[in-house]
Amino acid sequence: MKRSLLLAALVPLAIAAIALPAWTVLTYEAPRPSPLVKRDLGEAYRPGKIAAKPTAAQIRGWQKLADSSCKCARRGGKSDECWAEYDRETAAYAKSDAATMCMPVSHVFDNFGEDKMVEIDRDHAGQLLCAAEERRAMEAAWNVEMARPHGETDAEVQRAFDRAGAAMDRVYRRILHGESLAGVRGPAGCSG
């Protein structure tokens, strides 16, 4: 009697131990791509890619091209059209995606290996930042506001975040109007 009772208790546990992992594997869905990524960056290592690494001069040229592609998209151009020349120039080279996890401005790069990277995505809450100077100015505006004394309650911290966001919005308006960012100074962060 005890043996059959023990079996009756263990059989459902054994079935669950087998069924749950199998169900998890069979129902797995791959993560969806981020809505911020506007271009297909896949197939970076497909056969036929050039194994050689690009030169420093190529990386500098590609960064200028990426900056102008970003500015085209910021002016309202179609992303695929704006980035077509950059994509053509870099298509033969093996590359992978790289990114920073910085606050308030993160960066996405095409990584061609050995610290040879071109920054390709600078979308901060819908604001396209297309040059190092722009990224540094946005980050400085944020850092200056967040360095100001503020309390520790949720409401006080939220007000500090709101002020920092408003400061970034003011800098972005200057960027959109082509104004100089020379006067925007503050503590450095990921953008240098």
N, C-alpha and C. Protein backbone atom coordinates (compact mmCIF):
# COMPACT_ATOMS: atom_id res chain seq x y z
N MET A 1 0.82 -1.20 0.00
CA MET A 1 0.00 0.00 0.00
C MET A 1 0.86 1.26 0.00
N LYS A 2 1.89 1.26 0.86
CA LYS A 2 2.76 2.42 0.93
C LYS A 2 3.49 2.62 -0.38
N ARG A 3 3.86 1.49 -0.99
CA ARG A 3 4.60 1.56 -2.26
C ARG A 3 3.72 2.16 -3.37
N SER A 4 2.51 1.76 -3.48
CA SER A 4 1.62 2.30 -4.51
C SER A 4 1.27 3.76 -4.25
N LEU A 5 1.19 4.14 -2.98
CA LEU A 5 0.95 5.53 -2.62
C LEU A 5 2.15 6.39 -3.02
N LEU A 6 3.33 5.87 -2.78
CA LEU A 6 4.56 6.58 -3.14
C LEU A 6 4.64 6.72 -4.67
N LEU A 7 4.34 5.68 -5.40
CA LEU A 7 4.34 5.74 -6.86
C LEU A 7 3.30 6.74 -7.37
N ALA A 8 2.15 6.75 -6.76
CA ALA A 8 1.10 7.68 -7.17
C ALA A 8 1.54 9.13 -6.96
N ALA A 9 2.36 9.37 -5.97
CA ALA A 9 2.84 10.74 -5.72
C ALA A 9 3.99 11.09 -6.64
N LEU A 10 4.86 10.14 -6.97
CA LEU A 10 6.05 10.41 -7.77
C LEU A 10 5.78 10.49 -9.27
N VAL A 11 4.83 9.76 -9.77
CA VAL A 11 4.54 9.76 -11.21
C VAL A 11 4.17 11.17 -11.70
N PRO A 12 3.26 11.89 -11.05
CA PRO A 12 2.97 13.25 -11.53
C PRO A 12 4.19 14.17 -11.48
N LEU A 13 5.03 14.00 -10.45
CA LEU A 13 6.24 14.81 -10.37
C LEU A 13 7.19 14.50 -11.52
N ALA A 14 7.33 13.24 -11.85
CA ALA A 14 8.21 12.84 -12.96
C ALA A 14 7.68 13.38 -14.28
N ILE A 15 6.39 13.30 -14.48
CA ILE A 15 5.79 13.82 -15.71
C ILE A 15 6.01 15.33 -15.81
N ALA A 16 5.83 16.04 -14.70
CA ALA A 16 6.05 17.49 -14.70
C ALA A 16 7.51 17.82 -14.97
N ALA A 17 8.42 17.03 -14.39
CA ALA A 17 9.86 17.27 -14.58
C ALA A 17 10.26 17.10 -16.04
N ILE A 18 9.59 16.26 -16.76
CA ILE A 18 9.89 16.05 -18.18
C ILE A 18 9.10 17.03 -19.05
N ALA A 19 7.84 17.23 -18.75
CA ALA A 19 6.97 18.03 -19.60
C ALA A 19 7.30 19.52 -19.56
N LEU A 20 7.61 20.06 -18.39
CA LEU A 20 7.85 21.50 -18.29
C LEU A 20 9.06 21.94 -19.13
N PRO A 21 10.23 21.30 -19.01
CA PRO A 21 11.34 21.72 -19.87
C PRO A 21 11.03 21.52 -21.36
N ALA A 22 10.36 20.44 -21.70
CA ALA A 22 10.01 20.21 -23.11
C ALA A 22 9.07 21.29 -23.60
N TRP A 23 8.07 21.66 -22.80
CA TRP A 23 7.13 22.72 -23.19
C TRP A 23 7.87 24.04 -23.37
N THR A 24 8.83 24.35 -22.47
CA THR A 24 9.59 25.59 -22.55
C THR A 24 10.39 25.65 -23.85
N VAL A 25 11.02 24.57 -24.21
CA VAL A 25 11.82 24.53 -25.44
C VAL A 25 10.92 24.64 -26.66
N LEU A 26 9.83 23.92 -26.66
CA LEU A 26 8.95 23.89 -27.83
C LEU A 26 8.19 25.20 -28.04
N THR A 27 8.00 25.97 -27.00
CA THR A 27 7.24 27.22 -27.14
C THR A 27 8.12 28.45 -27.14
N TYR A 28 9.44 28.29 -27.21
CA TYR A 28 10.37 29.42 -27.18
C TYR A 28 10.15 30.33 -28.38
N GLU A 29 10.11 31.62 -28.13
CA GLU A 29 10.05 32.62 -29.19
C GLU A 29 11.30 33.47 -29.11
N ALA A 30 11.96 33.65 -30.24
CA ALA A 30 13.17 34.48 -30.27
C ALA A 30 12.79 35.91 -29.90
N PRO A 31 13.71 36.64 -29.22
CA PRO A 31 13.40 38.03 -28.89
C PRO A 31 13.21 38.87 -30.13
N ARG A 32 12.31 39.81 -30.04
CA ARG A 32 12.07 40.71 -31.16
C ARG A 32 13.15 41.79 -31.18
N PRO A 33 13.51 42.28 -32.37
CA PRO A 33 14.52 43.33 -32.43
C PRO A 33 14.00 44.63 -31.83
N SER A 34 14.93 45.44 -31.33
CA SER A 34 14.58 46.72 -30.73
C SER A 34 13.92 47.62 -31.77
N PRO A 35 12.87 48.35 -31.40
CA PRO A 35 12.24 49.27 -32.37
C PRO A 35 13.16 50.44 -32.72
N LEU A 36 14.23 50.68 -31.93
CA LEU A 36 15.13 51.78 -32.23
C LEU A 36 16.07 51.46 -33.38
N VAL A 37 16.32 50.17 -33.63
CA VAL A 37 17.23 49.81 -34.71
C VAL A 37 16.48 49.93 -36.02
N LYS A 38 16.93 50.83 -36.86
CA LYS A 38 16.20 51.14 -38.08
C LYS A 38 16.75 50.42 -39.30
N ARG A 39 17.90 49.75 -39.15
CA ARG A 39 18.50 49.07 -40.29
C ARG A 39 18.73 47.62 -39.93
N ASP A 40 18.75 46.75 -40.94
CA ASP A 40 19.06 45.35 -40.72
C ASP A 40 20.57 45.22 -40.63
N LEU A 41 21.06 44.85 -39.46
CA LEU A 41 22.50 44.72 -39.27
C LEU A 41 22.92 43.25 -39.24
N GLY A 42 22.03 42.37 -39.65
CA GLY A 42 22.32 40.94 -39.59
C GLY A 42 23.29 40.47 -40.65
N GLU A 43 23.55 39.17 -40.63
CA GLU A 43 24.44 38.50 -41.57
C GLU A 43 25.84 39.09 -41.58
N ALA A 44 26.33 39.56 -40.46
CA ALA A 44 27.64 40.21 -40.41
C ALA A 44 28.77 39.25 -40.75
N TYR A 45 28.59 37.98 -40.45
CA TYR A 45 29.69 37.04 -40.68
C TYR A 45 29.37 36.00 -41.75
N ARG A 46 28.55 36.34 -42.68
CA ARG A 46 28.22 35.36 -43.71
C ARG A 46 29.46 35.11 -44.57
N PRO A 47 29.54 33.94 -45.21
CA PRO A 47 30.70 33.62 -46.06
C PRO A 47 30.89 34.67 -47.15
N GLY A 48 32.14 34.94 -47.48
CA GLY A 48 32.44 35.92 -48.51
C GLY A 48 32.86 37.26 -47.96
N LYS A 49 32.77 37.43 -46.64
CA LYS A 49 33.22 38.67 -46.03
C LYS A 49 34.75 38.72 -46.06
N ILE A 50 35.30 39.92 -46.16
CA ILE A 50 36.74 40.09 -46.17
C ILE A 50 37.27 39.83 -44.77
N ALA A 51 38.28 38.97 -44.67
CA ALA A 51 38.85 38.64 -43.37
C ALA A 51 39.76 39.76 -42.87
N ALA A 52 40.35 40.53 -43.80
CA ALA A 52 41.26 41.61 -43.40
C ALA A 52 40.49 42.70 -42.67
N LYS A 53 41.17 43.34 -41.76
CA LYS A 53 40.56 44.43 -41.01
C LYS A 53 40.73 45.73 -41.79
N PRO A 54 39.77 46.63 -41.69
CA PRO A 54 39.91 47.92 -42.37
C PRO A 54 41.03 48.75 -41.73
N THR A 55 41.54 49.67 -42.49
CA THR A 55 42.60 50.54 -42.00
C THR A 55 42.00 51.64 -41.13
N ALA A 56 42.86 52.32 -40.38
CA ALA A 56 42.40 53.45 -39.57
C ALA A 56 41.81 54.54 -40.45
N ALA A 57 42.39 54.74 -41.63
CA ALA A 57 41.87 55.75 -42.56
C ALA A 57 40.46 55.36 -43.03
N GLN A 58 40.24 54.08 -43.29
CA GLN A 58 38.89 53.65 -43.69
C GLN A 58 37.89 53.90 -42.56
N ILE A 59 38.28 53.57 -41.34
CA ILE A 59 37.38 53.78 -40.20
C ILE A 59 37.03 55.26 -40.07
N ARG A 60 38.02 56.14 -40.19
CA ARG A 60 37.74 57.59 -40.11
C ARG A 60 36.79 58.01 -41.24
N GLY A 61 37.03 57.52 -42.43
CA GLY A 61 36.15 57.85 -43.55
C GLY A 61 34.74 57.32 -43.35
N TRP A 62 34.64 56.10 -42.85
CA TRP A 62 33.33 55.52 -42.60
C TRP A 62 32.59 56.26 -41.49
N GLN A 63 33.34 56.75 -40.48
CA GLN A 63 32.68 57.51 -39.41
C GLN A 63 32.10 58.80 -39.97
N LYS A 64 32.84 59.48 -40.85
CA LYS A 64 32.31 60.70 -41.48
C LYS A 64 31.07 60.36 -42.31
N LEU A 65 31.13 59.25 -43.02
CA LEU A 65 30.00 58.82 -43.84
C LEU A 65 28.81 58.47 -42.94
N ALA A 66 29.06 57.80 -41.82
CA ALA A 66 27.98 57.46 -40.88
C ALA A 66 27.37 58.73 -40.29
N ASP A 67 28.22 59.72 -39.97
CA ASP A 67 27.70 60.98 -39.43
C ASP A 67 26.80 61.68 -40.45
N SER A 68 27.22 61.70 -41.71
CA SER A 68 26.39 62.37 -42.73
C SER A 68 25.12 61.55 -43.02
N SER A 69 25.21 60.22 -42.92
CA SER A 69 24.02 59.37 -43.10
C SER A 69 23.01 59.65 -41.99
N CYS A 70 23.51 59.80 -40.78
CA CYS A 70 22.65 60.12 -39.64
C CYS A 70 21.97 61.47 -39.85
N LYS A 71 22.73 62.46 -40.31
CA LYS A 71 22.16 63.80 -40.52
C LYS A 71 21.10 63.76 -41.62
N CYS A 72 21.31 62.95 -42.64
CA CYS A 72 20.30 62.77 -43.68
C CYS A 72 19.01 62.23 -43.06
N ALA A 73 19.13 61.20 -42.22
CA ALA A 73 17.95 60.62 -41.57
C ALA A 73 17.29 61.64 -40.64
N ARG A 74 18.10 62.44 -39.96
CA ARG A 74 17.55 63.45 -39.05
C ARG A 74 16.77 64.52 -39.81
N ARG A 75 17.22 64.82 -41.03
CA ARG A 75 16.49 65.80 -41.86
C ARG A 75 15.22 65.21 -42.45
N GLY A 76 14.96 63.94 -42.20
CA GLY A 76 13.72 63.33 -42.67
C GLY A 76 13.88 62.40 -43.85
N GLY A 77 15.12 62.13 -44.25
CA GLY A 77 15.34 61.21 -45.35
C GLY A 77 14.98 59.78 -44.96
N LYS A 78 14.74 58.96 -45.96
CA LYS A 78 14.44 57.55 -45.70
C LYS A 78 15.72 56.87 -45.22
N SER A 79 15.62 56.16 -44.12
CA SER A 79 16.80 55.58 -43.48
C SER A 79 17.60 54.71 -44.45
N ASP A 80 16.93 53.83 -45.21
CA ASP A 80 17.64 52.95 -46.14
C ASP A 80 18.41 53.74 -47.18
N GLU A 81 17.81 54.81 -47.67
CA GLU A 81 18.48 55.64 -48.67
C GLU A 81 19.64 56.42 -48.05
N CYS A 82 19.44 56.94 -46.87
CA CYS A 82 20.48 57.73 -46.21
C CYS A 82 21.71 56.89 -45.90
N TRP A 83 21.50 55.63 -45.54
CA TRP A 83 22.59 54.76 -45.13
C TRP A 83 23.12 53.89 -46.27
N ALA A 84 22.59 54.05 -47.48
CA ALA A 84 22.96 53.16 -48.59
C ALA A 84 24.46 53.20 -48.90
N GLU A 85 25.06 54.38 -48.98
CA GLU A 85 26.48 54.47 -49.31
C GLU A 85 27.33 53.85 -48.21
N TYR A 86 27.02 54.13 -46.96
CA TYR A 86 27.76 53.52 -45.85
C TYR A 86 27.64 52.00 -45.91
N ASP A 87 26.43 51.51 -46.10
CA ASP A 87 26.22 50.06 -46.17
C ASP A 87 27.00 49.44 -47.32
N ARG A 88 27.03 50.13 -48.46
CA ARG A 88 27.78 49.64 -49.62
C ARG A 88 29.29 49.58 -49.31
N GLU A 89 29.81 50.66 -48.73
CA GLU A 89 31.25 50.76 -48.43
C GLU A 89 31.70 49.70 -47.43
N THR A 90 30.87 49.35 -46.47
CA THR A 90 31.28 48.44 -45.40
C THR A 90 30.78 47.02 -45.61
N ALA A 91 30.01 46.78 -46.66
CA ALA A 91 29.35 45.48 -46.85
C ALA A 91 30.31 44.30 -46.92
N ALA A 92 31.48 44.48 -47.47
CA ALA A 92 32.39 43.36 -47.67
C ALA A 92 33.16 42.97 -46.41
N TYR A 93 33.10 43.79 -45.39
CA TYR A 93 33.88 43.54 -44.19
C TYR A 93 33.06 42.85 -43.11
N ALA A 94 33.69 41.92 -42.41
CA ALA A 94 33.03 41.27 -41.28
C ALA A 94 32.90 42.29 -40.16
N LYS A 95 31.73 42.32 -39.57
CA LYS A 95 31.50 43.25 -38.46
C LYS A 95 30.48 42.66 -37.51
N SER A 96 30.52 43.17 -36.32
CA SER A 96 29.53 42.77 -35.32
C SER A 96 28.99 44.03 -34.67
N ASP A 97 27.90 43.88 -33.95
CA ASP A 97 27.31 45.01 -33.24
C ASP A 97 27.98 45.15 -31.88
N ALA A 98 28.14 46.37 -31.44
CA ALA A 98 28.64 46.66 -30.10
C ALA A 98 27.83 47.84 -29.58
N ALA A 99 27.72 47.94 -28.27
CA ALA A 99 26.93 49.03 -27.69
C ALA A 99 27.43 49.36 -26.30
N THR A 100 27.17 50.59 -25.89
CA THR A 100 27.43 51.00 -24.52
C THR A 100 26.12 50.96 -23.75
N MET A 101 26.22 50.92 -22.46
CA MET A 101 25.03 50.96 -21.59
C MET A 101 25.20 52.20 -20.71
N CYS A 102 25.12 53.36 -21.32
CA CYS A 102 25.40 54.60 -20.61
C CYS A 102 24.13 55.41 -20.40
N MET A 103 24.18 56.23 -19.41
CA MET A 103 23.09 57.15 -19.11
C MET A 103 23.65 58.55 -19.23
N PRO A 104 23.09 59.41 -19.97
CA PRO A 104 21.80 59.34 -20.66
C PRO A 104 21.92 58.97 -22.13
N VAL A 105 23.12 58.94 -22.70
CA VAL A 105 23.27 58.68 -24.13
C VAL A 105 24.06 57.39 -24.32
N SER A 106 23.42 56.40 -24.90
CA SER A 106 24.10 55.16 -25.24
C SER A 106 24.51 55.20 -26.71
N HIS A 107 25.42 54.34 -27.06
CA HIS A 107 25.95 54.34 -28.42
C HIS A 107 25.92 52.92 -28.99
N VAL A 108 25.63 52.80 -30.28
CA VAL A 108 25.67 51.52 -30.98
C VAL A 108 26.71 51.65 -32.08
N PHE A 109 27.54 50.62 -32.21
CA PHE A 109 28.66 50.66 -33.14
C PHE A 109 28.63 49.48 -34.09
N ASP A 110 29.22 49.67 -35.27
CA ASP A 110 29.66 48.56 -36.10
C ASP A 110 31.08 48.29 -35.67
N ASN A 111 31.35 47.08 -35.20
CA ASN A 111 32.67 46.72 -34.69
C ASN A 111 33.38 45.88 -35.75
N PHE A 112 34.47 46.42 -36.27
CA PHE A 112 35.24 45.72 -37.30
C PHE A 112 36.44 45.01 -36.69
N GLY A 113 36.48 44.90 -35.37
CA GLY A 113 37.53 44.19 -34.66
C GLY A 113 38.67 45.08 -34.24
N GLU A 114 39.39 44.63 -33.23
CA GLU A 114 40.58 45.32 -32.75
C GLU A 114 40.33 46.81 -32.49
N ASP A 115 39.27 47.12 -31.80
CA ASP A 115 38.92 48.51 -31.46
C ASP A 115 38.71 49.40 -32.68
N LYS A 116 38.33 48.82 -33.79
CA LYS A 116 38.02 49.59 -34.99
C LYS A 116 36.50 49.63 -35.11
N MET A 117 35.93 50.72 -34.58
CA MET A 117 34.48 50.81 -34.53
C MET A 117 33.99 52.11 -35.16
N VAL A 118 32.80 52.03 -35.76
CA VAL A 118 32.13 53.18 -36.33
C VAL A 118 30.79 53.30 -35.62
N GLU A 119 30.54 54.47 -35.05
CA GLU A 119 29.27 54.68 -34.36
C GLU A 119 28.17 54.88 -35.40
N ILE A 120 27.14 54.05 -35.31
CA ILE A 120 26.10 54.06 -36.34
C ILE A 120 24.73 54.46 -35.82
N ASP A 121 24.48 54.34 -34.54
CA ASP A 121 23.14 54.61 -34.03
C ASP A 121 23.23 55.51 -32.83
N ARG A 122 22.58 56.62 -32.91
CA ARG A 122 22.66 57.59 -31.82
C ARG A 122 21.28 58.08 -31.45
N ASP A 123 20.34 57.19 -31.42
CA ASP A 123 18.96 57.57 -31.15
C ASP A 123 18.74 57.62 -29.65
N HIS A 124 18.50 58.81 -29.13
CA HIS A 124 18.18 58.98 -27.71
C HIS A 124 16.75 59.49 -27.64
N ALA A 125 15.85 58.61 -27.34
CA ALA A 125 14.44 58.99 -27.20
C ALA A 125 13.94 59.73 -28.44
N GLY A 126 14.30 59.24 -29.61
CA GLY A 126 13.85 59.85 -30.85
C GLY A 126 14.71 61.00 -31.33
N GLN A 127 15.76 61.32 -30.61
CA GLN A 127 16.65 62.41 -30.99
C GLN A 127 17.91 61.81 -31.61
N LEU A 128 18.13 62.09 -32.89
CA LEU A 128 19.32 61.56 -33.56
C LEU A 128 20.51 62.47 -33.30
N LEU A 129 21.54 61.91 -32.69
CA LEU A 129 22.77 62.63 -32.41
C LEU A 129 23.81 62.14 -33.40
N CYS A 130 24.27 63.01 -34.29
CA CYS A 130 25.04 62.58 -35.45
C CYS A 130 26.52 62.90 -35.42
N ALA A 131 27.04 63.41 -34.35
CA ALA A 131 28.47 63.72 -34.28
C ALA A 131 28.90 63.66 -32.82
N ALA A 132 30.18 63.43 -32.62
CA ALA A 132 30.72 63.32 -31.26
C ALA A 132 30.42 64.58 -30.45
N GLU A 133 30.53 65.75 -31.09
CA GLU A 133 30.27 67.02 -30.40
C GLU A 133 28.83 67.07 -29.88
N GLU A 134 27.90 66.58 -30.68
CA GLU A 134 26.49 66.58 -30.27
C GLU A 134 26.27 65.65 -29.08
N ARG A 135 26.88 64.48 -29.13
CA ARG A 135 26.73 63.53 -28.02
C ARG A 135 27.33 64.08 -26.73
N ARG A 136 28.51 64.70 -26.85
CA ARG A 136 29.15 65.28 -25.66
C ARG A 136 28.30 66.41 -25.08
N ALA A 137 27.72 67.25 -25.94
CA ALA A 137 26.90 68.36 -25.47
C ALA A 137 25.64 67.87 -24.76
N MET A 138 25.00 66.86 -25.32
CA MET A 138 23.79 66.31 -24.69
C MET A 138 24.13 65.71 -23.33
N GLU A 139 25.21 64.96 -23.29
CA GLU A 139 25.61 64.34 -22.04
C GLU A 139 26.02 65.38 -20.99
N ALA A 140 26.72 66.43 -21.43
CA ALA A 140 27.12 67.50 -20.52
C ALA A 140 25.90 68.20 -19.93
N ALA A 141 24.91 68.47 -20.77
CA ALA A 141 23.70 69.14 -20.28
C ALA A 141 23.03 68.29 -19.19
N TRP A 142 22.95 66.99 -19.42
CA TRP A 142 22.37 66.07 -18.44
C TRP A 142 23.21 66.07 -17.16
N ASN A 143 24.51 65.90 -17.32
CA ASN A 143 25.39 65.76 -16.15
C ASN A 143 25.41 67.02 -15.28
N VAL A 144 25.36 68.19 -15.90
CA VAL A 144 25.34 69.44 -15.13
C VAL A 144 24.09 69.49 -14.26
N GLU A 145 22.94 69.18 -14.86
CA GLU A 145 21.69 69.22 -14.09
C GLU A 145 21.66 68.15 -12.99
N MET A 146 22.14 66.95 -13.29
CA MET A 146 22.10 65.89 -12.29
C MET A 146 23.12 66.11 -11.17
N ALA A 147 24.14 66.93 -11.43
CA ALA A 147 25.15 67.23 -10.40
C ALA A 147 24.65 68.28 -9.41
N ARG A 148 23.61 69.01 -9.78
CA ARG A 148 23.05 70.02 -8.87
C ARG A 148 22.46 69.30 -7.66
N PRO A 149 22.57 69.93 -6.50
CA PRO A 149 22.00 69.29 -5.30
C PRO A 149 20.50 69.09 -5.45
N HIS A 150 20.06 67.92 -5.08
CA HIS A 150 18.62 67.63 -5.06
C HIS A 150 18.37 66.65 -3.93
N GLY A 151 17.17 66.59 -3.49
CA GLY A 151 16.82 65.70 -2.38
C GLY A 151 16.84 64.24 -2.79
N GLU A 152 16.42 63.41 -1.87
CA GLU A 152 16.47 61.98 -2.11
C GLU A 152 15.10 61.32 -2.22
N THR A 153 14.04 62.10 -2.04
CA THR A 153 12.72 61.49 -2.18
C THR A 153 12.46 61.20 -3.66
N ASP A 154 11.53 60.34 -3.92
CA ASP A 154 11.19 60.01 -5.31
C ASP A 154 10.81 61.26 -6.09
N ALA A 155 10.04 62.13 -5.47
CA ALA A 155 9.58 63.35 -6.15
C ALA A 155 10.76 64.27 -6.47
N GLU A 156 11.69 64.41 -5.54
CA GLU A 156 12.85 65.28 -5.77
C GLU A 156 13.77 64.73 -6.85
N VAL A 157 13.95 63.44 -6.82
CA VAL A 157 14.79 62.80 -7.86
C VAL A 157 14.10 62.93 -9.22
N GLN A 158 12.79 62.76 -9.27
CA GLN A 158 12.06 62.90 -10.53
C GLN A 158 12.19 64.31 -11.07
N ARG A 159 12.11 65.32 -10.18
CA ARG A 159 12.28 66.70 -10.64
C ARG A 159 13.68 66.92 -11.21
N ALA A 160 14.69 66.31 -10.61
CA ALA A 160 16.06 66.42 -11.14
C ALA A 160 16.14 65.78 -12.52
N PHE A 161 15.53 64.61 -12.69
CA PHE A 161 15.49 63.96 -14.00
C PHE A 161 14.76 64.82 -15.02
N ASP A 162 13.67 65.43 -14.60
CA ASP A 162 12.90 66.30 -15.50
C ASP A 162 13.74 67.51 -15.94
N ARG A 163 14.46 68.12 -14.99
CA ARG A 163 15.33 69.26 -15.33
C ARG A 163 16.43 68.83 -16.29
N ALA A 164 17.01 67.68 -16.04
CA ALA A 164 18.08 67.19 -16.91
C ALA A 164 17.54 66.89 -18.31
N GLY A 165 16.35 66.31 -18.38
CA GLY A 165 15.73 66.05 -19.68
C GLY A 165 15.42 67.34 -20.43
N ALA A 166 14.96 68.34 -19.71
CA ALA A 166 14.67 69.63 -20.33
C ALA A 166 15.95 70.29 -20.84
N ALA A 167 17.04 70.15 -20.09
CA ALA A 167 18.32 70.70 -20.54
C ALA A 167 18.77 70.01 -21.82
N MET A 168 18.59 68.71 -21.90
CA MET A 168 18.94 67.98 -23.12
C MET A 168 18.06 68.43 -24.29
N ASP A 169 16.79 68.65 -24.02
CA ASP A 169 15.88 69.12 -25.08
C ASP A 169 16.33 70.48 -25.62
N ARG A 170 16.78 71.35 -24.73
CA ARG A 170 17.26 72.68 -25.18
C ARG A 170 18.50 72.53 -26.07
N VAL A 171 19.41 71.65 -25.69
CA VAL A 171 20.60 71.41 -26.51
C VAL A 171 20.19 70.81 -27.85
N TYR A 172 19.24 69.89 -27.84
CA TYR A 172 18.82 69.27 -29.11
C TYR A 172 18.19 70.31 -30.05
N ARG A 173 17.42 71.23 -29.50
CA ARG A 173 16.86 72.29 -30.35
C ARG A 173 17.99 73.10 -30.98
N ARG A 174 19.06 73.37 -30.23
CA ARG A 174 20.20 74.08 -30.79
C ARG A 174 20.84 73.27 -31.92
N ILE A 175 20.94 71.97 -31.72
CA ILE A 175 21.50 71.10 -32.76
C ILE A 175 20.65 71.18 -34.02
N LEU A 176 19.34 71.07 -33.86
CA LEU A 176 18.43 71.11 -35.02
C LEU A 176 18.50 72.44 -35.76
N HIS A 177 18.76 73.53 -35.03
CA HIS A 177 18.85 74.85 -35.66
C HIS A 177 20.26 75.16 -36.15
N GLY A 178 21.19 74.22 -36.01
CA GLY A 178 22.55 74.43 -36.49
C GLY A 178 23.35 75.42 -35.66
N GLU A 179 22.94 75.64 -34.42
CA GLU A 179 23.65 76.58 -33.55
C GLU A 179 24.91 75.94 -32.98
N SER A 180 25.85 76.78 -32.62
CA SER A 180 27.10 76.31 -32.02
C SER A 180 26.84 75.68 -30.66
N LEU A 181 27.58 74.62 -30.38
CA LEU A 181 27.48 73.95 -29.09
C LEU A 181 28.70 74.26 -28.22
N ALA A 182 29.49 75.22 -28.64
CA ALA A 182 30.76 75.53 -27.96
C ALA A 182 30.56 75.87 -26.49
N GLY A 183 29.46 76.50 -26.14
CA GLY A 183 29.24 76.92 -24.76
C GLY A 183 28.71 75.83 -23.85
N VAL A 184 28.38 74.68 -24.39
CA VAL A 184 27.82 73.60 -23.58
C VAL A 184 28.97 72.81 -22.98
N ARG A 185 29.15 72.96 -21.67
CA ARG A 185 30.25 72.30 -20.98
C ARG A 185 29.69 71.56 -19.76
N GLY A 186 30.37 70.51 -19.40
CA GLY A 186 29.97 69.77 -18.21
C GLY A 186 30.84 68.56 -18.03
N PRO A 187 30.58 67.81 -16.97
CA PRO A 187 31.38 66.61 -16.72
C PRO A 187 31.25 65.61 -17.86
N ALA A 188 32.36 64.96 -18.18
CA ALA A 188 32.36 63.97 -19.26
C ALA A 188 31.75 62.67 -18.78
N GLY A 189 31.36 61.86 -19.74
CA GLY A 189 30.82 60.54 -19.45
C GLY A 189 31.25 59.60 -20.57
N CYS A 190 30.34 58.78 -21.03
CA CYS A 190 30.65 57.82 -22.11
C CYS A 190 31.03 58.51 -23.41
N SER A 191 30.52 59.69 -23.64
CA SER A 191 30.78 60.38 -24.90
C SER A 191 32.11 61.13 -24.89
N GLY A 192 32.83 61.08 -23.80
CA GLY A 192 34.16 61.71 -23.73
C GLY A 192 34.04 63.09 -23.29
